[in-house]
């Protein structure tokens, strides 16, 4: 059963398969039904599943049902969700690139500790080398004591692919959580 306790963004599952779930007994519909049920349950928990076929002889009908259920559609959707095929490393890389581009990037970042909310403005958040302003509509906010959220135009930059983000707080403001 799929589950996730991560915060700060969409959860996805990439299922790379030959299209036939393994089973201890001879192949039956029970194994494919179980996979489809688990993907549907994962979606109910807000975990989207993307399907990649890594075999030439695949069970296309099963792959399509899993892709549909993984996108929150009926198994036999009239307008089906895409699933990917990869017969080479290059095609597999292209499939992953396509999947990543479909997943909206989160603008909420979990910290490995907690920030004193009264002193959060002492933190420094930079995106692409420029400092963002605390509590600015296009800057950053302290979403929770252990989460920084980038907002407005700065968030749109992250969603467009910007990855150069730095978040720092002085020791007097930040209490690390040691796990």
N, C-alpha and C. Protein backbone atom coordinates (compact mmCIF):
# COMPACT_ATOMS: atom_id res chain seq x y z
N UNK A 1 0.84 -1.18 0.00
CA UNK A 1 0.00 0.00 0.00
C UNK A 1 0.89 1.24 0.00
N UNK A 2 0.59 2.18 -0.86
CA UNK A 2 1.39 3.40 -0.98
C UNK A 2 0.98 4.39 0.10
N UNK A 3 1.96 5.05 0.66
CA UNK A 3 1.72 6.10 1.63
C UNK A 3 2.89 7.05 1.60
N UNK A 4 2.70 8.26 2.06
CA UNK A 4 3.77 9.24 2.11
C UNK A 4 3.49 10.22 3.22
N UNK A 5 4.52 10.52 4.03
CA UNK A 5 4.36 11.53 5.06
C UNK A 5 5.19 12.76 4.73
N UNK A 6 5.73 12.83 3.51
CA UNK A 6 6.51 13.98 3.10
C UNK A 6 5.60 15.18 2.94
N UNK A 7 6.15 16.36 3.18
CA UNK A 7 5.37 17.58 3.02
C UNK A 7 5.97 18.41 1.91
N UNK A 8 5.23 19.38 1.47
CA UNK A 8 5.79 20.37 0.59
C UNK A 8 5.61 20.15 -0.89
N UNK A 9 4.86 19.19 -1.32
CA UNK A 9 4.69 19.06 -2.75
C UNK A 9 3.91 17.84 -3.13
N UNK A 10 3.65 17.74 -4.42
CA UNK A 10 2.89 16.59 -4.89
C UNK A 10 3.70 15.31 -4.73
N UNK A 11 3.00 14.24 -4.50
CA UNK A 11 3.64 12.92 -4.39
C UNK A 11 3.32 12.15 -5.64
N UNK A 12 4.35 11.50 -6.20
CA UNK A 12 4.12 10.69 -7.38
C UNK A 12 4.79 9.33 -7.20
N UNK A 13 4.30 8.38 -7.95
CA UNK A 13 4.87 7.05 -8.00
C UNK A 13 5.10 6.75 -9.48
N UNK A 14 6.32 6.34 -9.83
CA UNK A 14 6.60 5.94 -11.20
C UNK A 14 6.73 4.43 -11.19
N UNK A 15 5.85 3.78 -11.92
CA UNK A 15 5.83 2.33 -12.00
C UNK A 15 6.45 1.92 -13.33
N UNK A 16 7.68 1.45 -13.29
CA UNK A 16 8.35 0.93 -14.49
C UNK A 16 8.20 -0.58 -14.45
N UNK A 17 7.55 -1.12 -15.47
CA UNK A 17 7.14 -2.52 -15.41
C UNK A 17 7.12 -3.15 -16.80
N UNK A 18 7.13 -4.48 -16.81
CA UNK A 18 6.96 -5.20 -18.08
C UNK A 18 5.48 -5.40 -18.38
N UNK A 19 4.61 -4.87 -17.53
CA UNK A 19 3.18 -4.91 -17.78
C UNK A 19 2.46 -6.08 -17.16
N UNK A 20 3.20 -7.00 -16.59
CA UNK A 20 2.59 -8.17 -15.96
C UNK A 20 3.09 -8.28 -14.52
N UNK A 21 2.20 -8.07 -13.54
CA UNK A 21 2.65 -8.21 -12.16
C UNK A 21 3.03 -9.64 -11.85
N UNK A 22 4.05 -9.81 -11.05
CA UNK A 22 4.46 -11.15 -10.64
C UNK A 22 3.47 -11.73 -9.65
N UNK A 23 3.39 -13.02 -9.62
CA UNK A 23 2.51 -13.70 -8.69
C UNK A 23 3.13 -15.05 -8.36
N UNK A 24 2.90 -15.53 -7.17
CA UNK A 24 3.44 -16.83 -6.77
C UNK A 24 2.74 -17.96 -7.52
N UNK A 25 1.49 -17.75 -7.81
CA UNK A 25 0.72 -18.76 -8.53
C UNK A 25 0.81 -18.48 -10.03
N UNK A 26 0.33 -19.40 -10.84
CA UNK A 26 0.29 -19.11 -12.28
C UNK A 26 -0.45 -17.81 -12.53
N UNK A 27 -0.09 -17.13 -13.61
CA UNK A 27 -0.67 -15.82 -13.92
C UNK A 27 -2.20 -15.90 -13.92
N UNK A 28 -2.75 -14.90 -13.29
CA UNK A 28 -4.20 -14.80 -13.25
C UNK A 28 -4.57 -13.33 -13.22
N UNK A 29 -5.81 -13.04 -13.37
CA UNK A 29 -6.29 -11.67 -13.30
C UNK A 29 -6.17 -11.08 -11.91
N UNK A 30 -5.99 -11.91 -10.89
CA UNK A 30 -5.94 -11.42 -9.52
C UNK A 30 -4.76 -10.47 -9.31
N UNK A 31 -3.60 -10.79 -9.87
CA UNK A 31 -2.42 -9.94 -9.66
C UNK A 31 -2.60 -8.59 -10.35
N UNK A 32 -3.13 -8.56 -11.56
CA UNK A 32 -3.34 -7.29 -12.24
C UNK A 32 -4.41 -6.47 -11.53
N UNK A 33 -5.43 -7.13 -11.05
CA UNK A 33 -6.49 -6.44 -10.31
C UNK A 33 -5.93 -5.83 -9.03
N UNK A 34 -5.04 -6.54 -8.35
CA UNK A 34 -4.43 -6.03 -7.11
C UNK A 34 -3.60 -4.78 -7.40
N UNK A 35 -2.80 -4.80 -8.46
CA UNK A 35 -2.01 -3.62 -8.83
C UNK A 35 -2.93 -2.45 -9.12
N UNK A 36 -3.96 -2.67 -9.88
CA UNK A 36 -4.89 -1.61 -10.23
C UNK A 36 -5.57 -1.05 -8.98
N UNK A 37 -5.94 -1.93 -8.06
CA UNK A 37 -6.58 -1.48 -6.81
C UNK A 37 -5.62 -0.62 -6.00
N UNK A 38 -4.35 -1.05 -5.89
CA UNK A 38 -3.36 -0.29 -5.11
C UNK A 38 -3.09 1.08 -5.72
N UNK A 39 -3.05 1.16 -7.05
CA UNK A 39 -2.83 2.44 -7.72
C UNK A 39 -4.02 3.36 -7.47
N UNK A 40 -5.22 2.81 -7.51
CA UNK A 40 -6.42 3.59 -7.23
C UNK A 40 -6.41 4.10 -5.78
N UNK A 41 -6.01 3.24 -4.84
CA UNK A 41 -5.92 3.65 -3.44
C UNK A 41 -4.85 4.72 -3.25
N UNK A 42 -3.74 4.59 -3.95
CA UNK A 42 -2.68 5.60 -3.86
C UNK A 42 -3.21 6.96 -4.34
N UNK A 43 -3.95 6.96 -5.45
CA UNK A 43 -4.49 8.22 -5.94
C UNK A 43 -5.46 8.83 -4.92
N UNK A 44 -6.22 8.00 -4.25
CA UNK A 44 -7.14 8.50 -3.20
C UNK A 44 -6.35 9.17 -2.08
N UNK A 45 -5.08 8.79 -1.91
CA UNK A 45 -4.20 9.42 -0.91
C UNK A 45 -3.38 10.55 -1.53
N UNK A 46 -3.79 10.99 -2.72
CA UNK A 46 -3.15 12.08 -3.45
C UNK A 46 -1.74 11.74 -3.92
N UNK A 47 -1.54 10.47 -4.29
CA UNK A 47 -0.28 10.04 -4.87
C UNK A 47 -0.58 9.60 -6.30
N UNK A 48 -0.13 10.40 -7.27
CA UNK A 48 -0.38 10.10 -8.67
C UNK A 48 0.64 9.07 -9.15
N UNK A 49 0.19 8.14 -9.98
CA UNK A 49 1.07 7.11 -10.54
C UNK A 49 1.25 7.34 -12.03
N UNK A 50 2.51 7.29 -12.46
CA UNK A 50 2.86 7.34 -13.88
C UNK A 50 3.40 5.97 -14.24
N UNK A 51 3.07 5.48 -15.43
CA UNK A 51 3.41 4.12 -15.83
C UNK A 51 4.38 4.16 -17.01
N UNK A 52 5.45 3.36 -16.89
CA UNK A 52 6.43 3.23 -17.95
C UNK A 52 6.58 1.74 -18.27
N UNK A 53 6.31 1.39 -19.52
CA UNK A 53 6.50 0.01 -19.97
C UNK A 53 7.95 -0.15 -20.41
N UNK A 54 8.62 -1.14 -19.83
CA UNK A 54 10.03 -1.37 -20.19
C UNK A 54 10.21 -2.71 -20.89
N UNK A 55 9.15 -3.15 -21.57
CA UNK A 55 9.21 -4.43 -22.29
C UNK A 55 8.46 -4.30 -23.60
N UNK A 56 8.90 -5.04 -24.59
CA UNK A 56 8.23 -5.01 -25.89
C UNK A 56 6.89 -5.74 -25.84
N UNK A 57 6.84 -6.85 -25.16
CA UNK A 57 5.62 -7.66 -25.05
C UNK A 57 4.91 -7.28 -23.76
N UNK A 58 4.13 -6.24 -23.79
CA UNK A 58 3.49 -5.77 -22.57
C UNK A 58 1.98 -6.00 -22.64
N UNK A 59 1.38 -6.03 -21.49
CA UNK A 59 -0.07 -6.13 -21.39
C UNK A 59 -0.62 -4.70 -21.51
N UNK A 60 -0.85 -4.25 -22.75
CA UNK A 60 -1.22 -2.87 -23.01
C UNK A 60 -2.53 -2.48 -22.32
N UNK A 61 -3.48 -3.36 -22.27
CA UNK A 61 -4.76 -3.04 -21.63
C UNK A 61 -4.58 -2.79 -20.14
N UNK A 62 -3.77 -3.62 -19.49
CA UNK A 62 -3.48 -3.43 -18.07
C UNK A 62 -2.72 -2.13 -17.86
N UNK A 63 -1.72 -1.87 -18.70
CA UNK A 63 -0.93 -0.65 -18.58
C UNK A 63 -1.84 0.57 -18.68
N UNK A 64 -2.77 0.55 -19.62
CA UNK A 64 -3.67 1.69 -19.80
C UNK A 64 -4.58 1.85 -18.59
N UNK A 65 -5.09 0.74 -18.05
CA UNK A 65 -5.95 0.83 -16.86
C UNK A 65 -5.18 1.43 -15.69
N UNK A 66 -3.93 0.99 -15.49
CA UNK A 66 -3.12 1.50 -14.39
C UNK A 66 -2.84 2.99 -14.60
N UNK A 67 -2.48 3.39 -15.82
CA UNK A 67 -2.23 4.81 -16.11
C UNK A 67 -3.47 5.65 -15.82
N UNK A 68 -4.64 5.16 -16.24
CA UNK A 68 -5.88 5.89 -16.01
C UNK A 68 -6.16 6.03 -14.52
N UNK A 69 -6.09 4.92 -13.79
CA UNK A 69 -6.36 4.96 -12.35
C UNK A 69 -5.34 5.83 -11.63
N UNK A 70 -4.10 5.79 -12.08
CA UNK A 70 -3.05 6.60 -11.47
C UNK A 70 -3.24 8.09 -11.66
N UNK A 71 -4.03 8.46 -12.68
CA UNK A 71 -4.34 9.87 -12.93
C UNK A 71 -5.71 10.26 -12.38
N UNK A 72 -6.36 9.33 -11.68
CA UNK A 72 -7.66 9.62 -11.10
C UNK A 72 -8.82 9.47 -12.06
N UNK A 73 -8.58 8.79 -13.16
CA UNK A 73 -9.64 8.55 -14.15
C UNK A 73 -10.24 7.17 -13.97
N UNK A 74 -11.41 6.92 -14.55
CA UNK A 74 -11.93 5.55 -14.54
C UNK A 74 -10.97 4.64 -15.31
N UNK A 75 -10.90 3.38 -14.94
CA UNK A 75 -9.99 2.43 -15.58
C UNK A 75 -10.19 2.40 -17.09
N UNK A 76 -11.44 2.55 -17.54
CA UNK A 76 -11.74 2.48 -18.97
C UNK A 76 -12.08 3.86 -19.54
N UNK A 77 -11.36 4.88 -19.11
CA UNK A 77 -11.64 6.27 -19.50
C UNK A 77 -11.68 6.43 -21.02
N UNK A 78 -12.61 7.24 -21.48
CA UNK A 78 -12.76 7.52 -22.91
C UNK A 78 -11.54 8.30 -23.41
N UNK A 79 -11.09 9.29 -22.63
CA UNK A 79 -9.87 10.03 -22.96
C UNK A 79 -8.80 9.55 -21.98
N UNK A 80 -8.02 8.55 -22.38
CA UNK A 80 -7.10 7.91 -21.45
C UNK A 80 -5.88 8.75 -21.08
N UNK A 81 -5.35 8.45 -19.92
CA UNK A 81 -4.11 9.07 -19.46
C UNK A 81 -2.95 8.47 -20.26
N UNK A 82 -1.88 9.22 -20.44
CA UNK A 82 -0.74 8.65 -21.17
C UNK A 82 0.01 7.63 -20.31
N UNK A 83 0.56 6.64 -20.99
CA UNK A 83 1.59 5.84 -20.34
C UNK A 83 2.74 5.78 -21.32
N UNK A 84 3.90 5.47 -20.81
CA UNK A 84 5.13 5.62 -21.57
C UNK A 84 5.73 4.26 -21.89
N UNK A 85 6.41 4.17 -23.02
CA UNK A 85 7.13 2.97 -23.37
C UNK A 85 8.60 3.33 -23.52
N UNK A 86 9.46 2.42 -23.11
CA UNK A 86 10.90 2.67 -23.17
C UNK A 86 11.61 1.37 -23.54
N UNK A 87 12.11 1.32 -24.76
CA UNK A 87 12.87 0.15 -25.22
C UNK A 87 14.37 0.37 -25.11
N UNK A 88 14.79 1.56 -24.65
CA UNK A 88 16.21 1.86 -24.52
C UNK A 88 16.41 2.82 -23.35
N UNK A 89 17.66 3.01 -22.96
CA UNK A 89 17.96 3.95 -21.88
C UNK A 89 17.56 5.37 -22.27
N UNK A 90 17.75 5.70 -23.54
CA UNK A 90 17.39 7.03 -24.01
C UNK A 90 15.88 7.26 -23.90
N UNK A 91 15.10 6.26 -24.30
CA UNK A 91 13.64 6.38 -24.21
C UNK A 91 13.19 6.43 -22.76
N UNK A 92 13.87 5.70 -21.88
CA UNK A 92 13.54 5.76 -20.46
C UNK A 92 13.83 7.15 -19.91
N UNK A 93 14.95 7.73 -20.28
CA UNK A 93 15.29 9.09 -19.85
C UNK A 93 14.25 10.09 -20.35
N UNK A 94 13.80 9.93 -21.59
CA UNK A 94 12.77 10.82 -22.13
C UNK A 94 11.45 10.67 -21.38
N UNK A 95 11.10 9.44 -21.02
CA UNK A 95 9.87 9.20 -20.26
C UNK A 95 9.95 9.91 -18.91
N UNK A 96 11.08 9.77 -18.21
CA UNK A 96 11.22 10.43 -16.91
C UNK A 96 11.18 11.95 -17.06
N UNK A 97 11.82 12.48 -18.10
CA UNK A 97 11.79 13.93 -18.32
C UNK A 97 10.36 14.40 -18.55
N UNK A 98 9.61 13.67 -19.35
CA UNK A 98 8.22 14.04 -19.62
C UNK A 98 7.38 13.98 -18.34
N UNK A 99 7.59 12.96 -17.54
CA UNK A 99 6.85 12.82 -16.29
C UNK A 99 7.17 13.98 -15.36
N UNK A 100 8.43 14.30 -15.20
CA UNK A 100 8.84 15.37 -14.29
C UNK A 100 8.24 16.70 -14.72
N UNK A 101 8.17 16.94 -16.03
CA UNK A 101 7.61 18.19 -16.52
C UNK A 101 6.11 18.30 -16.26
N UNK A 102 5.44 17.18 -16.06
CA UNK A 102 3.99 17.21 -15.80
C UNK A 102 3.66 17.46 -14.34
N UNK A 103 4.60 17.21 -13.45
CA UNK A 103 4.34 17.33 -12.02
C UNK A 103 4.59 18.77 -11.59
N UNK A 104 3.57 19.44 -11.07
CA UNK A 104 3.80 20.81 -10.62
C UNK A 104 4.79 20.84 -9.46
N UNK A 105 5.75 21.73 -9.55
CA UNK A 105 6.76 21.85 -8.50
C UNK A 105 6.16 22.57 -7.31
N UNK A 106 6.53 22.12 -6.15
CA UNK A 106 6.05 22.74 -4.93
C UNK A 106 6.88 23.97 -4.59
N UNK A 107 6.27 24.89 -3.91
CA UNK A 107 6.96 26.08 -3.44
C UNK A 107 7.06 26.07 -1.92
N UNK A 108 6.77 24.93 -1.31
CA UNK A 108 6.87 24.77 0.14
C UNK A 108 8.07 23.87 0.41
N UNK A 109 8.96 24.35 1.28
CA UNK A 109 10.20 23.62 1.58
C UNK A 109 10.29 23.33 3.06
N UNK A 110 10.42 22.05 3.39
CA UNK A 110 10.53 21.63 4.78
C UNK A 110 11.96 21.84 5.27
N UNK A 111 12.07 22.26 6.51
CA UNK A 111 13.36 22.51 7.14
C UNK A 111 13.68 21.38 8.10
N UNK A 112 14.93 21.18 8.42
CA UNK A 112 15.30 20.13 9.38
C UNK A 112 15.37 20.71 10.78
N UNK A 113 14.43 21.56 11.10
CA UNK A 113 14.34 22.19 12.40
C UNK A 113 13.19 23.18 12.39
N UNK A 114 13.15 24.01 13.43
CA UNK A 114 12.06 24.98 13.54
C UNK A 114 12.59 26.39 13.70
N UNK A 115 11.85 27.33 13.11
CA UNK A 115 12.20 28.74 13.14
C UNK A 115 11.30 29.43 14.17
N UNK A 116 11.90 30.32 14.98
CA UNK A 116 11.13 31.14 15.91
C UNK A 116 10.32 32.12 15.05
N UNK A 117 9.00 31.97 15.04
CA UNK A 117 8.14 32.77 14.16
C UNK A 117 8.33 34.27 14.39
N UNK A 118 8.57 34.68 15.63
CA UNK A 118 8.75 36.11 15.91
C UNK A 118 10.01 36.67 15.27
N UNK A 119 10.96 35.80 14.97
CA UNK A 119 12.24 36.24 14.42
C UNK A 119 12.47 35.73 12.99
N UNK A 120 11.44 35.23 12.35
CA UNK A 120 11.60 34.63 11.02
C UNK A 120 12.20 35.60 10.01
N UNK A 121 11.91 36.87 10.14
CA UNK A 121 12.44 37.88 9.22
C UNK A 121 13.96 37.97 9.24
N UNK A 122 14.60 37.35 10.23
CA UNK A 122 16.06 37.32 10.29
C UNK A 122 16.64 36.35 9.27
N UNK A 123 15.79 35.49 8.73
CA UNK A 123 16.26 34.52 7.75
C UNK A 123 16.57 35.18 6.42
N UNK A 124 17.35 34.46 5.62
CA UNK A 124 17.68 34.95 4.28
C UNK A 124 17.33 33.88 3.27
N UNK A 125 16.50 34.25 2.31
CA UNK A 125 16.09 33.33 1.25
C UNK A 125 16.48 33.98 -0.07
N UNK A 126 17.30 33.26 -0.85
CA UNK A 126 17.71 33.78 -2.15
C UNK A 126 17.27 32.81 -3.24
N UNK A 127 16.85 33.39 -4.34
CA UNK A 127 16.43 32.61 -5.51
C UNK A 127 17.17 33.17 -6.71
N UNK A 128 17.90 32.30 -7.39
CA UNK A 128 18.69 32.71 -8.56
C UNK A 128 19.61 33.87 -8.22
N UNK A 129 20.17 33.85 -7.00
CA UNK A 129 21.14 34.85 -6.59
C UNK A 129 20.57 36.15 -6.07
N UNK A 130 19.25 36.32 -6.06
CA UNK A 130 18.68 37.56 -5.53
C UNK A 130 17.88 37.26 -4.27
N UNK A 131 17.98 38.17 -3.32
CA UNK A 131 17.31 37.98 -2.03
C UNK A 131 15.81 38.24 -2.16
N UNK A 132 15.03 37.30 -1.61
CA UNK A 132 13.59 37.47 -1.56
C UNK A 132 13.22 38.14 -0.24
N UNK A 133 12.12 38.88 -0.25
CA UNK A 133 11.69 39.64 0.93
C UNK A 133 10.68 38.82 1.73
N UNK A 134 10.89 38.79 3.05
CA UNK A 134 9.99 38.10 3.97
C UNK A 134 8.63 38.78 3.99
N UNK A 135 7.57 38.00 3.95
CA UNK A 135 6.17 38.45 3.98
C UNK A 135 5.81 39.34 2.79
N UNK A 136 6.56 39.27 1.70
CA UNK A 136 6.26 40.01 0.49
C UNK A 136 5.40 39.11 -0.40
N UNK A 137 4.44 39.65 -1.13
CA UNK A 137 3.59 38.81 -1.99
C UNK A 137 4.37 38.07 -3.08
N UNK A 138 5.57 38.53 -3.40
CA UNK A 138 6.43 37.86 -4.38
C UNK A 138 7.73 37.39 -3.74
N UNK A 139 7.69 37.10 -2.46
CA UNK A 139 8.88 36.70 -1.72
C UNK A 139 8.69 35.37 -1.02
N UNK A 140 8.76 35.40 0.33
CA UNK A 140 8.62 34.17 1.09
C UNK A 140 7.91 34.43 2.41
N UNK A 141 7.31 33.34 2.94
CA UNK A 141 6.64 33.38 4.23
C UNK A 141 7.04 32.14 5.02
N UNK A 142 6.87 32.21 6.31
CA UNK A 142 7.05 31.04 7.16
C UNK A 142 5.69 30.36 7.24
N UNK A 143 5.50 29.28 6.47
CA UNK A 143 4.21 28.60 6.40
C UNK A 143 3.91 27.90 7.72
N UNK A 144 4.92 27.26 8.29
CA UNK A 144 4.86 26.57 9.59
C UNK A 144 6.23 26.77 10.22
N UNK A 145 6.38 26.49 11.49
CA UNK A 145 7.71 26.67 12.09
C UNK A 145 8.82 25.88 11.38
N UNK A 146 8.43 24.81 10.67
CA UNK A 146 9.44 24.01 9.97
C UNK A 146 9.28 24.04 8.45
N UNK A 147 8.59 25.08 7.93
CA UNK A 147 8.38 25.16 6.48
C UNK A 147 8.46 26.61 5.98
N UNK A 148 9.23 26.79 4.92
CA UNK A 148 9.29 28.07 4.22
C UNK A 148 8.51 27.91 2.92
N UNK A 149 7.66 28.88 2.62
CA UNK A 149 6.92 28.86 1.36
C UNK A 149 7.34 30.05 0.52
N UNK A 150 7.71 29.78 -0.71
CA UNK A 150 8.02 30.82 -1.68
C UNK A 150 6.70 31.18 -2.35
N UNK A 151 6.40 32.46 -2.48
CA UNK A 151 5.08 32.88 -2.95
C UNK A 151 5.17 33.79 -4.18
N UNK A 152 4.02 33.95 -4.83
CA UNK A 152 3.88 34.89 -5.93
C UNK A 152 4.79 34.60 -7.11
N UNK A 153 5.39 35.66 -7.65
CA UNK A 153 6.25 35.55 -8.84
C UNK A 153 7.45 34.65 -8.57
N UNK A 154 7.96 34.67 -7.35
CA UNK A 154 9.11 33.80 -7.02
C UNK A 154 8.70 32.33 -7.12
N UNK A 155 7.52 32.01 -6.67
CA UNK A 155 7.03 30.63 -6.78
C UNK A 155 6.89 30.24 -8.25
N UNK A 156 6.39 31.15 -9.05
CA UNK A 156 6.24 30.86 -10.48
C UNK A 156 7.60 30.57 -11.13
N UNK A 157 8.64 31.24 -10.67
CA UNK A 157 9.99 30.97 -11.18
C UNK A 157 10.40 29.53 -10.86
N UNK A 158 10.11 29.11 -9.64
CA UNK A 158 10.45 27.74 -9.23
C UNK A 158 9.66 26.75 -10.08
N UNK A 159 8.38 27.00 -10.26
CA UNK A 159 7.55 26.10 -11.07
C UNK A 159 8.00 26.06 -12.53
N UNK A 160 8.64 27.13 -12.98
CA UNK A 160 9.16 27.18 -14.35
C UNK A 160 10.51 26.48 -14.47
N UNK A 161 11.09 26.06 -13.32
CA UNK A 161 12.32 25.29 -13.40
C UNK A 161 13.51 25.86 -12.66
N UNK A 162 13.39 27.05 -12.08
CA UNK A 162 14.52 27.61 -11.33
C UNK A 162 14.82 26.73 -10.12
N UNK A 163 16.09 26.38 -9.96
CA UNK A 163 16.49 25.48 -8.87
C UNK A 163 17.48 26.10 -7.90
N UNK A 164 17.98 27.28 -8.17
CA UNK A 164 19.00 27.92 -7.34
C UNK A 164 18.32 28.63 -6.17
N UNK A 165 18.03 27.88 -5.12
CA UNK A 165 17.35 28.40 -3.94
C UNK A 165 18.21 28.14 -2.72
N UNK A 166 18.36 29.15 -1.88
CA UNK A 166 19.14 29.02 -0.66
C UNK A 166 18.33 29.61 0.49
N UNK A 167 18.18 28.83 1.56
CA UNK A 167 17.42 29.26 2.73
C UNK A 167 18.35 29.14 3.94
N UNK A 168 18.59 30.25 4.64
CA UNK A 168 19.44 30.22 5.83
C UNK A 168 18.81 31.04 6.95
N UNK A 169 19.02 30.57 8.17
CA UNK A 169 18.58 31.28 9.36
C UNK A 169 19.73 31.33 10.35
N UNK A 170 19.86 32.43 11.10
CA UNK A 170 20.90 32.46 12.13
C UNK A 170 20.59 31.46 13.24
N UNK A 171 21.62 31.01 13.92
CA UNK A 171 21.46 30.02 14.99
C UNK A 171 20.51 30.50 16.08
N UNK A 172 20.44 31.80 16.32
CA UNK A 172 19.58 32.33 17.38
C UNK A 172 18.10 32.20 17.03
N UNK A 173 17.78 31.94 15.77
CA UNK A 173 16.39 31.86 15.29
C UNK A 173 15.97 30.44 14.97
N UNK A 174 16.92 29.60 14.70
CA UNK A 174 16.65 28.26 14.19
C UNK A 174 17.08 27.18 15.18
N UNK A 175 16.16 26.25 15.47
CA UNK A 175 16.47 25.11 16.34
C UNK A 175 16.44 23.86 15.50
N UNK A 176 17.61 23.25 15.27
CA UNK A 176 17.61 22.02 14.47
C UNK A 176 16.93 20.86 15.20
N UNK A 177 16.33 19.99 14.41
CA UNK A 177 15.73 18.77 14.95
C UNK A 177 16.66 17.63 14.59
N UNK A 178 17.17 16.97 15.59
CA UNK A 178 18.07 15.86 15.38
C UNK A 178 17.26 14.58 15.43
N UNK A 179 17.32 13.83 14.33
CA UNK A 179 16.54 12.59 14.24
C UNK A 179 17.40 11.40 14.51
